[in-house]
């Protein structure tokens, strides 16, 4: 599956952009891995939940 810009939750992009290590980790993932992380972020109920996803998944 291919994600468009509008599919990525704004909080995810914002928080990812603030964390250089997470950004590097995300960019090194396979498309399938990226899709999984994006789906988790889409299901998150708050920006704090998205931050937790980034902290736990993108180390």
PDB file of N, CA and C in Angstrom:
ATOM      1  N   UNK A   1       0.844  -1.187   0.000  1.00  0.00           N
ATOM      2  CA  UNK A   1       0.000   0.000   0.000  1.00  0.00           C
ATOM      3  C   UNK A   1       0.882   1.240   0.000  1.00  0.00           C
ATOM      4  N   UNK A   2       0.445   2.254  -0.701  1.00  0.00           N
ATOM      5  CA  UNK A   2       1.184   3.506  -0.781  1.00  0.00           C
ATOM      6  C   UNK A   2       0.406   4.585  -0.031  1.00  0.00           C
ATOM      7  N   UNK A   3       1.078   5.323   0.824  1.00  0.00           N
ATOM      8  CA  UNK A   3       0.437   6.393   1.572  1.00  0.00           C
ATOM      9  C   UNK A   3       0.703   7.722   0.900  1.00  0.00           C
ATOM     10  N   UNK A   4      -0.328   8.535   0.860  1.00  0.00           N
ATOM     11  CA  UNK A   4      -0.229   9.898   0.347  1.00  0.00           C
ATOM     12  C   UNK A   4       0.029  10.834   1.520  1.00  0.00           C
ATOM     13  N   UNK A   5       0.423  12.038   1.223  1.00  0.00           N
ATOM     14  CA  UNK A   5       0.709  13.044   2.251  1.00  0.00           C
ATOM     15  C   UNK A   5      -0.465  13.198   3.220  1.00  0.00           C
ATOM     16  N   UNK A   6      -1.697  13.191   2.704  1.00  0.00           N
ATOM     17  CA  UNK A   6      -2.874  13.380   3.540  1.00  0.00           C
ATOM     18  C   UNK A   6      -3.150  12.200   4.469  1.00  0.00           C
ATOM     19  N   UNK A   7      -2.526  11.050   4.222  1.00  0.00           N
ATOM     20  CA  UNK A   7      -2.723   9.870   5.059  1.00  0.00           C
ATOM     21  C   UNK A   7      -1.911   9.930   6.344  1.00  0.00           C
ATOM     22  N   UNK A   8      -0.891  10.766   6.371  1.00  0.00           N
ATOM     23  CA  UNK A   8      -0.003  10.842   7.529  1.00  0.00           C
ATOM     24  C   UNK A   8      -0.568  11.847   8.527  1.00  0.00           C
ATOM     25  N   UNK A   9      -0.863  11.401   9.742  1.00  0.00           N
ATOM     26  CA  UNK A   9      -1.420  12.311  10.739  1.00  0.00           C
ATOM     27  C   UNK A   9      -0.479  13.502  10.973  1.00  0.00           C
ATOM     28  N   UNK A  10      -1.018  14.731  11.052  1.00  0.00           N
ATOM     29  CA  UNK A  10      -0.174  15.918  11.224  1.00  0.00           C
ATOM     30  C   UNK A  10       0.731  15.830  12.459  1.00  0.00           C
ATOM     31  N   UNK A  11       0.215  15.297  13.544  1.00  0.00           N
ATOM     32  CA  UNK A  11       1.027  15.180  14.753  1.00  0.00           C
ATOM     33  C   UNK A  11       2.220  14.263  14.551  1.00  0.00           C
ATOM     34  N   UNK A  12       2.027  13.237  13.742  1.00  0.00           N
ATOM     35  CA  UNK A  12       3.109  12.296  13.466  1.00  0.00           C
ATOM     36  C   UNK A  12       4.233  12.999  12.713  1.00  0.00           C
ATOM     37  N   UNK A  13       3.877  13.691  11.662  1.00  0.00           N
ATOM     38  CA  UNK A  13       4.885  14.402  10.869  1.00  0.00           C
ATOM     39  C   UNK A  13       5.618  15.454  11.683  1.00  0.00           C
ATOM     40  N   UNK A  14       4.869  16.174  12.504  1.00  0.00           N
ATOM     41  CA  UNK A  14       5.451  17.221  13.338  1.00  0.00           C
ATOM     42  C   UNK A  14       6.440  16.627  14.344  1.00  0.00           C
ATOM     43  N   UNK A  15       6.016  15.590  15.045  1.00  0.00           N
ATOM     44  CA  UNK A  15       6.877  14.983  16.062  1.00  0.00           C
ATOM     45  C   UNK A  15       8.064  14.258  15.443  1.00  0.00           C
ATOM     46  N   UNK A  16       7.842  13.621  14.328  1.00  0.00           N
ATOM     47  CA  UNK A  16       8.929  12.933  13.644  1.00  0.00           C
ATOM     48  C   UNK A  16       9.988  13.946  13.201  1.00  0.00           C
ATOM     49  N   UNK A  17       9.538  15.085  12.705  1.00  0.00           N
ATOM     50  CA  UNK A  17      10.456  16.126  12.256  1.00  0.00           C
ATOM     51  C   UNK A  17      11.297  16.717  13.369  1.00  0.00           C
ATOM     52  N   UNK A  18      10.843  16.596  14.590  1.00  0.00           N
ATOM     53  CA  UNK A  18      11.579  17.126  15.746  1.00  0.00           C
ATOM     54  C   UNK A  18      12.596  16.142  16.311  1.00  0.00           C
ATOM     55  N   UNK A  19      12.568  14.916  15.822  1.00  0.00           N
ATOM     56  CA  UNK A  19      13.429  13.874  16.376  1.00  0.00           C
ATOM     57  C   UNK A  19      14.292  13.299  15.256  1.00  0.00           C
ATOM     58  N   UNK A  20      15.515  13.776  15.173  1.00  0.00           N
ATOM     59  CA  UNK A  20      16.407  13.381  14.076  1.00  0.00           C
ATOM     60  C   UNK A  20      16.643  11.874  14.035  1.00  0.00           C
ATOM     61  N   UNK A  21      16.844  11.262  15.192  1.00  0.00           N
ATOM     62  CA  UNK A  21      17.081   9.813  15.230  1.00  0.00           C
ATOM     63  C   UNK A  21      15.859   9.037  14.745  1.00  0.00           C
ATOM     64  N   UNK A  22      14.676   9.462  15.159  1.00  0.00           N
ATOM     65  CA  UNK A  22      13.454   8.791  14.705  1.00  0.00           C
ATOM     66  C   UNK A  22      13.264   8.972  13.204  1.00  0.00           C
ATOM     67  N   UNK A  23      13.597  10.153  12.711  1.00  0.00           N
ATOM     68  CA  UNK A  23      13.472  10.421  11.275  1.00  0.00           C
ATOM     69  C   UNK A  23      14.405   9.506  10.485  1.00  0.00           C
ATOM     70  N   UNK A  24      15.631   9.349  10.959  1.00  0.00           N
ATOM     71  CA  UNK A  24      16.582   8.458  10.278  1.00  0.00           C
ATOM     72  C   UNK A  24      16.089   7.019  10.318  1.00  0.00           C
ATOM     73  N   UNK A  25      15.584   6.607  11.461  1.00  0.00           N
ATOM     74  CA  UNK A  25      15.078   5.241  11.605  1.00  0.00           C
ATOM     75  C   UNK A  25      13.900   5.016  10.660  1.00  0.00           C
ATOM     76  N   UNK A  26      12.962   5.958  10.625  1.00  0.00           N
ATOM     77  CA  UNK A  26      11.790   5.835   9.767  1.00  0.00           C
ATOM     78  C   UNK A  26      12.192   5.780   8.298  1.00  0.00           C
ATOM     79  N   UNK A  27      13.110   6.631   7.909  1.00  0.00           N
ATOM     80  CA  UNK A  27      13.511   6.656   6.501  1.00  0.00           C
ATOM     81  C   UNK A  27      14.233   5.376   6.092  1.00  0.00           C
ATOM     82  N   UNK A  28      14.819   4.653   7.050  1.00  0.00           N
ATOM     83  CA  UNK A  28      15.506   3.407   6.753  1.00  0.00           C
ATOM     84  C   UNK A  28      14.615   2.180   6.770  1.00  0.00           C
ATOM     85  N   UNK A  29      13.351   2.373   7.107  1.00  0.00           N
ATOM     86  CA  UNK A  29      12.420   1.249   7.178  1.00  0.00           C
ATOM     87  C   UNK A  29      11.956   0.833   5.788  1.00  0.00           C
ATOM     88  N   UNK A  30      11.506  -0.399   5.693  1.00  0.00           N
ATOM     89  CA  UNK A  30      10.866  -0.855   4.459  1.00  0.00           C
ATOM     90  C   UNK A  30       9.501  -0.172   4.360  1.00  0.00           C
ATOM     91  N   UNK A  31       8.916  -0.198   3.171  1.00  0.00           N
ATOM     92  CA  UNK A  31       7.590   0.397   3.000  1.00  0.00           C
ATOM     93  C   UNK A  31       6.565  -0.262   3.912  1.00  0.00           C
ATOM     94  N   UNK A  32       6.666  -1.554   4.065  1.00  0.00           N
ATOM     95  CA  UNK A  32       5.728  -2.273   4.934  1.00  0.00           C
ATOM     96  C   UNK A  32       5.866  -1.821   6.379  1.00  0.00           C
ATOM     97  N   UNK A  33       7.090  -1.662   6.847  1.00  0.00           N
ATOM     98  CA  UNK A  33       7.321  -1.189   8.214  1.00  0.00           C
ATOM     99  C   UNK A  33       6.790   0.235   8.399  1.00  0.00           C
ATOM    100  N   UNK A  34       7.033   1.085   7.409  1.00  0.00           N
ATOM    101  CA  UNK A  34       6.524   2.462   7.479  1.00  0.00           C
ATOM    102  C   UNK A  34       4.999   2.468   7.540  1.00  0.00           C
ATOM    103  N   UNK A  35       4.362   1.645   6.729  1.00  0.00           N
ATOM    104  CA  UNK A  35       2.906   1.565   6.719  1.00  0.00           C
ATOM    105  C   UNK A  35       2.371   1.146   8.074  1.00  0.00           C
ATOM    106  N   UNK A  36       3.044   0.215   8.731  1.00  0.00           N
ATOM    107  CA  UNK A  36       2.626  -0.238  10.051  1.00  0.00           C
ATOM    108  C   UNK A  36       2.693   0.905  11.061  1.00  0.00           C
ATOM    109  N   UNK A  37       3.777   1.660  11.042  1.00  0.00           N
ATOM    110  CA  UNK A  37       3.933   2.786  11.971  1.00  0.00           C
ATOM    111  C   UNK A  37       2.876   3.855  11.673  1.00  0.00           C
ATOM    112  N   UNK A  38       2.637   4.143  10.416  1.00  0.00           N
ATOM    113  CA  UNK A  38       1.636   5.147  10.051  1.00  0.00           C
ATOM    114  C   UNK A  38       0.248   4.699  10.482  1.00  0.00           C
ATOM    115  N   UNK A  39      -0.060   3.431  10.316  1.00  0.00           N
ATOM    116  CA  UNK A  39      -1.366   2.920  10.765  1.00  0.00           C
ATOM    117  C   UNK A  39      -1.515   3.077  12.280  1.00  0.00           C
ATOM    118  N   UNK A  40      -0.449   2.799  13.001  1.00  0.00           N
ATOM    119  CA  UNK A  40      -0.495   2.996  14.458  1.00  0.00           C
ATOM    120  C   UNK A  40      -0.766   4.462  14.792  1.00  0.00           C
ATOM    121  N   UNK A  41      -0.095   5.360  14.092  1.00  0.00           N
ATOM    122  CA  UNK A  41      -0.283   6.794  14.335  1.00  0.00           C
ATOM    123  C   UNK A  41      -1.702   7.229  13.969  1.00  0.00           C
ATOM    124  N   UNK A  42      -2.264   6.673  12.899  1.00  0.00           N
ATOM    125  CA  UNK A  42      -3.636   6.992  12.508  1.00  0.00           C
ATOM    126  C   UNK A  42      -4.629   6.553  13.582  1.00  0.00           C
ATOM    127  N   UNK A  43      -4.337   5.462  14.254  1.00  0.00           N
ATOM    128  CA  UNK A  43      -5.235   4.928  15.277  1.00  0.00           C
ATOM    129  C   UNK A  43      -5.050   5.615  16.634  1.00  0.00           C
ATOM    130  N   UNK A  44      -4.002   6.393  16.774  1.00  0.00           N
ATOM    131  CA  UNK A  44      -3.724   7.062  18.051  1.00  0.00           C
ATOM    132  C   UNK A  44      -4.833   8.057  18.373  1.00  0.00           C
ATOM    133  N   UNK A  45      -5.096   8.205  19.647  1.00  0.00           N
ATOM    134  CA  UNK A  45      -6.162   9.108  20.088  1.00  0.00           C
ATOM    135  C   UNK A  45      -5.663  10.514  20.400  1.00  0.00           C
ATOM    136  N   UNK A  46      -4.360  10.669  20.535  1.00  0.00           N
ATOM    137  CA  UNK A  46      -3.825  11.982  20.887  1.00  0.00           C
ATOM    138  C   UNK A  46      -2.396  12.123  20.383  1.00  0.00           C
ATOM    139  N   UNK A  47      -1.904  13.350  20.431  1.00  0.00           N
ATOM    140  CA  UNK A  47      -0.518  13.603  20.061  1.00  0.00           C
ATOM    141  C   UNK A  47       0.420  12.898  21.023  1.00  0.00           C
ATOM    142  N   UNK A  48       0.030  12.798  22.284  1.00  0.00           N
ATOM    143  CA  UNK A  48       0.851  12.074  23.260  1.00  0.00           C
ATOM    144  C   UNK A  48       0.978  10.598  22.874  1.00  0.00           C
ATOM    145  N   UNK A  49      -0.106  10.020  22.366  1.00  0.00           N
ATOM    146  CA  UNK A  49      -0.054   8.632  21.906  1.00  0.00           C
ATOM    147  C   UNK A  49       0.901   8.487  20.720  1.00  0.00           C
ATOM    148  N   UNK A  50       0.854   9.454  19.813  1.00  0.00           N
ATOM    149  CA  UNK A  50       1.752   9.425  18.662  1.00  0.00           C
ATOM    150  C   UNK A  50       3.200   9.560  19.123  1.00  0.00           C
ATOM    151  N   UNK A  51       3.452  10.430  20.088  1.00  0.00           N
ATOM    152  CA  UNK A  51       4.804  10.592  20.630  1.00  0.00           C
ATOM    153  C   UNK A  51       5.288   9.280  21.220  1.00  0.00           C
ATOM    154  N   UNK A  52       4.411   8.565  21.886  1.00  0.00           N
ATOM    155  CA  UNK A  52       4.772   7.260  22.464  1.00  0.00           C
ATOM    156  C   UNK A  52       5.108   6.251  21.367  1.00  0.00           C
ATOM    157  N   UNK A  53       4.353   6.260  20.296  1.00  0.00           N
ATOM    158  CA  UNK A  53       4.626   5.372  19.164  1.00  0.00           C
ATOM    159  C   UNK A  53       6.006   5.670  18.601  1.00  0.00           C
ATOM    160  N   UNK A  54       6.301   6.941  18.416  1.00  0.00           N
ATOM    161  CA  UNK A  54       7.606   7.332  17.888  1.00  0.00           C
ATOM    162  C   UNK A  54       8.715   6.926  18.844  1.00  0.00           C
ATOM    163  N   UNK A  55       8.529   7.161  20.117  1.00  0.00           N
ATOM    164  CA  UNK A  55       9.553   6.833  21.124  1.00  0.00           C
ATOM    165  C   UNK A  55       9.816   5.332  21.181  1.00  0.00           C
ATOM    166  N   UNK A  56       8.759   4.534  21.142  1.00  0.00           N
ATOM    167  CA  UNK A  56       8.911   3.090  21.308  1.00  0.00           C
ATOM    168  C   UNK A  56       9.296   2.373  20.011  1.00  0.00           C
ATOM    169  N   UNK A  57       8.877   2.900  18.882  1.00  0.00           N
ATOM    170  CA  UNK A  57       9.061   2.199  17.620  1.00  0.00           C
ATOM    171  C   UNK A  57      10.293   2.676  16.866  1.00  0.00           C
ATOM    172  N   UNK A  58      10.596   3.949  16.949  1.00  0.00           N
ATOM    173  CA  UNK A  58      11.635   4.541  16.113  1.00  0.00           C
ATOM    174  C   UNK A  58      12.847   4.927  16.969  1.00  0.00           C
ATOM    175  N   UNK A  59      13.564   3.943  17.402  1.00  0.00           N
ATOM    176  CA  UNK A  59      14.759   4.189  18.224  1.00  0.00           C
ATOM    177  C   UNK A  59      16.000   4.015  17.386  1.00  0.00           C
TER     178      UNK A  59
END
